[in-house]
Amino acid sequence: MSHFGFPFLAVGGLRELPRGSADVEIARWCGENDVVWVTLDRGILKDREIAAAIVAFRTSILLLPVKGMRMRDYLSLLVSRFDRIEQAVERERVRGRATRLRMTRRGGLKPIDVAVPKIGS
């Protein structure tokens, strides 16, 4: 499916990423295919294996706000901030880096650092 001139893909909608795919596989596929992984799951950054995959595969990621929002609210935020998100992604691509952002409830974009947690953290 294409919106705003970009394909939007969902896990389960691709043969390469069937429903129930592990987050490590999602990170790998997104990194290898230069796709931004949009997710609500902030816990992925605390998981050593997933964080390592995000770093290793240079996966771009956009973390959406978690609490108190309906799907309609998420879509509205994404649409209203699409130009800013697109600019941030393109700016990092030109620099040869993955885009790693957190969106606030009001639609602000803040950079996030993806560091591989130490064992036992």
C-alpha atoms as a PDB file:
ATOM      1  CA  MET A   1       0.000   0.000   0.000  1.00  0.00           C
ATOM      2  CA  SER A   2       1.342   3.462  -0.837  1.00  0.00           C
ATOM      3  CA  HIS A   3       0.618   6.736   0.944  1.00  0.00           C
ATOM      4  CA  PHE A   4       2.308  10.098   0.361  1.00  0.00           C
ATOM      5  CA  GLY A   5       4.421   8.421  -2.318  1.00  0.00           C
ATOM      6  CA  PHE A   6       5.934   5.929   0.145  1.00  0.00           C
ATOM      7  CA  PRO A   7       5.048   2.303   0.715  1.00  0.00           C
ATOM      8  CA  PHE A   8       3.570   1.442   4.088  1.00  0.00           C
ATOM      9  CA  LEU A   9       4.128  -2.148   5.072  1.00  0.00           C
ATOM     10  CA  ALA A  10       2.864  -4.099   8.037  1.00  0.00           C
ATOM     11  CA  VAL A  11       4.355  -7.154   9.654  1.00  0.00           C
ATOM     12  CA  GLY A  12       2.221 -10.014   8.420  1.00  0.00           C
ATOM     13  CA  GLY A  13       1.644  -8.322   5.075  1.00  0.00           C
ATOM     14  CA  LEU A  14       4.938  -9.504   3.619  1.00  0.00           C
ATOM     15  CA  ARG A  15       6.167 -12.992   2.872  1.00  0.00           C
ATOM     16  CA  GLU A  16       9.571 -11.996   4.332  1.00  0.00           C
ATOM     17  CA  LEU A  17       7.967 -10.755   7.564  1.00  0.00           C
ATOM     18  CA  PRO A  18       5.079 -13.037   8.437  1.00  0.00           C
ATOM     19  CA  ARG A  19       2.798 -12.316  11.362  1.00  0.00           C
ATOM     20  CA  GLY A  20       4.589 -13.111  14.606  1.00  0.00           C
ATOM     21  CA  SER A  21       8.044 -12.220  13.255  1.00  0.00           C
ATOM     22  CA  ALA A  22      10.628 -11.622  15.956  1.00  0.00           C
ATOM     23  CA  ASP A  23      11.667  -8.021  16.557  1.00  0.00           C
ATOM     24  CA  VAL A  24      15.264  -8.916  15.636  1.00  0.00           C
ATOM     25  CA  GLU A  25      14.017 -10.062  12.219  1.00  0.00           C
ATOM     26  CA  ILE A  26      11.964  -6.877  11.814  1.00  0.00           C
ATOM     27  CA  ALA A  27      15.055  -4.785  12.655  1.00  0.00           C
ATOM     28  CA  ARG A  28      17.144  -6.776  10.176  1.00  0.00           C
ATOM     29  CA  TRP A  29      14.602  -6.528   7.360  1.00  0.00           C
ATOM     30  CA  CYS A  30      13.995  -2.800   7.885  1.00  0.00           C
ATOM     31  CA  GLY A  31      17.725  -2.066   7.960  1.00  0.00           C
ATOM     32  CA  GLU A  32      18.481  -4.156   4.878  1.00  0.00           C
ATOM     33  CA  ASN A  33      15.578  -2.595   2.956  1.00  0.00           C
ATOM     34  CA  ASP A  34      16.098   1.013   4.114  1.00  0.00           C
ATOM     35  CA  VAL A  35      12.653   1.120   5.709  1.00  0.00           C
ATOM     36  CA  VAL A  36      11.768   3.105   8.831  1.00  0.00           C
ATOM     37  CA  TRP A  37      10.389   0.859  11.582  1.00  0.00           C
ATOM     38  CA  VAL A  38       7.431   2.664  13.189  1.00  0.00           C
ATOM     39  CA  THR A  39       6.437   1.153  16.525  1.00  0.00           C
ATOM     40  CA  LEU A  40       4.768   1.817  19.864  1.00  0.00           C
ATOM     41  CA  ASP A  41       7.030  -0.665  21.657  1.00  0.00           C
ATOM     42  CA  ARG A  42       9.595   1.372  23.590  1.00  0.00           C
ATOM     43  CA  GLY A  43      10.704  -1.783  25.371  1.00  0.00           C
ATOM     44  CA  ILE A  44      12.597  -2.915  22.281  1.00  0.00           C
ATOM     45  CA  LEU A  45      15.422  -0.528  23.128  1.00  0.00           C
ATOM     46  CA  LYS A  46      15.909  -2.211  26.507  1.00  0.00           C
ATOM     47  CA  ASP A  47      16.302  -5.645  24.967  1.00  0.00           C
ATOM     48  CA  ARG A  48      19.984  -6.320  24.307  1.00  0.00           C
ATOM     49  CA  GLU A  49      19.447  -8.568  21.285  1.00  0.00           C
ATOM     50  CA  ILE A  50      16.998  -6.211  19.573  1.00  0.00           C
ATOM     51  CA  ALA A  51      19.095  -3.096  20.292  1.00  0.00           C
ATOM     52  CA  ALA A  52      22.160  -4.916  18.909  1.00  0.00           C
ATOM     53  CA  ALA A  53      20.224  -5.776  15.727  1.00  0.00           C
ATOM     54  CA  ILE A  54      19.044  -2.157  15.344  1.00  0.00           C
ATOM     55  CA  VAL A  55      22.655  -0.978  15.597  1.00  0.00           C
ATOM     56  CA  ALA A  56      24.148  -3.762  13.440  1.00  0.00           C
ATOM     57  CA  PHE A  57      21.647  -3.374  10.600  1.00  0.00           C
ATOM     58  CA  ARG A  58      21.568   0.451  10.836  1.00  0.00           C
ATOM     59  CA  THR A  59      17.814   0.314  11.281  1.00  0.00           C
ATOM     60  CA  SER A  60      15.902   3.582  11.239  1.00  0.00           C
ATOM     61  CA  ILE A  61      13.186   3.716  13.871  1.00  0.00           C
ATOM     62  CA  LEU A  62      10.333   6.034  14.886  1.00  0.00           C
ATOM     63  CA  LEU A  63       8.889   5.415  18.346  1.00  0.00           C
ATOM     64  CA  LEU A  64       5.342   6.685  18.730  1.00  0.00           C
ATOM     65  CA  PRO A  65       3.816   7.895  22.016  1.00  0.00           C
ATOM     66  CA  VAL A  66       2.380   4.973  23.954  1.00  0.00           C
ATOM     67  CA  LYS A  67      -0.391   5.881  26.375  1.00  0.00           C
ATOM     68  CA  GLY A  68      -3.865   7.249  25.920  1.00  0.00           C
ATOM     69  CA  MET A  69      -4.064   7.422  22.148  1.00  0.00           C
ATOM     70  CA  ARG A  70      -6.375   5.788  19.666  1.00  0.00           C
ATOM     71  CA  MET A  71      -5.314   4.611  16.213  1.00  0.00           C
ATOM     72  CA  ARG A  72      -7.037   7.650  14.759  1.00  0.00           C
ATOM     73  CA  ASP A  73      -4.817   9.892  16.928  1.00  0.00           C
ATOM     74  CA  TYR A  74      -1.671   8.115  15.739  1.00  0.00           C
ATOM     75  CA  LEU A  75      -2.650   8.482  12.114  1.00  0.00           C
ATOM     76  CA  SER A  76      -3.467  12.140  12.614  1.00  0.00           C
ATOM     77  CA  LEU A  77      -0.070  12.751  14.245  1.00  0.00           C
ATOM     78  CA  LEU A  78       1.779  10.920  11.494  1.00  0.00           C
ATOM     79  CA  VAL A  79      -0.055  12.744   8.717  1.00  0.00           C
ATOM     80  CA  SER A  80       0.330  16.174  10.327  1.00  0.00           C
ATOM     81  CA  ARG A  81       4.066  15.634  10.912  1.00  0.00           C
ATOM     82  CA  PHE A  82       4.836  13.662   7.783  1.00  0.00           C
ATOM     83  CA  ASP A  83       6.880  16.430   6.124  1.00  0.00           C
ATOM     84  CA  ARG A  84       9.039  16.838   9.241  1.00  0.00           C
ATOM     85  CA  ILE A  85       9.547  13.092   9.552  1.00  0.00           C
ATOM     86  CA  GLU A  86      10.443  12.814   5.870  1.00  0.00           C
ATOM     87  CA  GLN A  87      12.956  15.682   6.163  1.00  0.00           C
ATOM     88  CA  ALA A  88      14.592  14.097   9.215  1.00  0.00           C
ATOM     89  CA  VAL A  89      14.876  10.722   7.467  1.00  0.00           C
ATOM     90  CA  GLU A  90      16.345  12.287   4.325  1.00  0.00           C
ATOM     91  CA  ARG A  91      18.794  14.436   6.329  1.00  0.00           C
ATOM     92  CA  GLU A  92      20.172  11.333   8.050  1.00  0.00           C
ATOM     93  CA  ARG A  93      20.299   9.330   4.808  1.00  0.00           C
ATOM     94  CA  VAL A  94      22.454  12.056   3.228  1.00  0.00           C
ATOM     95  CA  ARG A  95      24.773  11.760   6.241  1.00  0.00           C
ATOM     96  CA  GLY A  96      24.822   7.972   5.841  1.00  0.00           C
ATOM     97  CA  ARG A  97      23.120   7.388   9.185  1.00  0.00           C
ATOM     98  CA  ALA A  98      19.973   5.687  10.391  1.00  0.00           C
ATOM     99  CA  THR A  99      17.159   7.912  11.662  1.00  0.00           C
ATOM    100  CA  ARG A 100      16.211   7.266  15.271  1.00  0.00           C
ATOM    101  CA  LEU A 101      13.419   9.442  16.608  1.00  0.00           C
ATOM    102  CA  ARG A 102      10.811   9.495  19.343  1.00  0.00           C
ATOM    103  CA  MET A 103       7.568  11.345  18.690  1.00  0.00           C
ATOM    104  CA  THR A 104       5.983  13.209  21.580  1.00  0.00           C
ATOM    105  CA  ARG A 105       2.233  13.235  22.213  1.00  0.00           C
ATOM    106  CA  ARG A 106       2.098  16.690  20.637  1.00  0.00           C
ATOM    107  CA  GLY A 107       4.002  15.555  17.571  1.00  0.00           C
ATOM    108  CA  GLY A 108       7.463  16.819  18.421  1.00  0.00           C
ATOM    109  CA  LEU A 109      10.391  14.758  17.190  1.00  0.00           C
ATOM    110  CA  LYS A 110      13.261  14.012  19.540  1.00  0.00           C
ATOM    111  CA  PRO A 111      16.387  12.043  18.714  1.00  0.00           C
ATOM    112  CA  ILE A 112      16.982   8.823  20.594  1.00  0.00           C
ATOM    113  CA  ASP A 113      20.214   7.022  21.210  1.00  0.00           C
ATOM    114  CA  VAL A 114      20.138   3.311  20.622  1.00  0.00           C
ATOM    115  CA  ALA A 115      22.868   1.771  22.717  1.00  0.00           C
ATOM    116  CA  VAL A 116      23.259  -1.928  23.287  1.00  0.00           C
ATOM    117  CA  PRO A 117      22.407  -2.504  26.978  1.00  0.00           C
ATOM    118  CA  LYS A 118      25.057  -4.175  29.076  1.00  0.00           C
ATOM    119  CA  ILE A 119      24.427  -7.755  30.090  1.00  0.00           C
ATOM    120  CA  GLY A 120      22.346  -7.783  33.285  1.00  0.00           C
ATOM    121  CA  SER A 121      20.803  -4.333  32.625  1.00  0.00           C
END
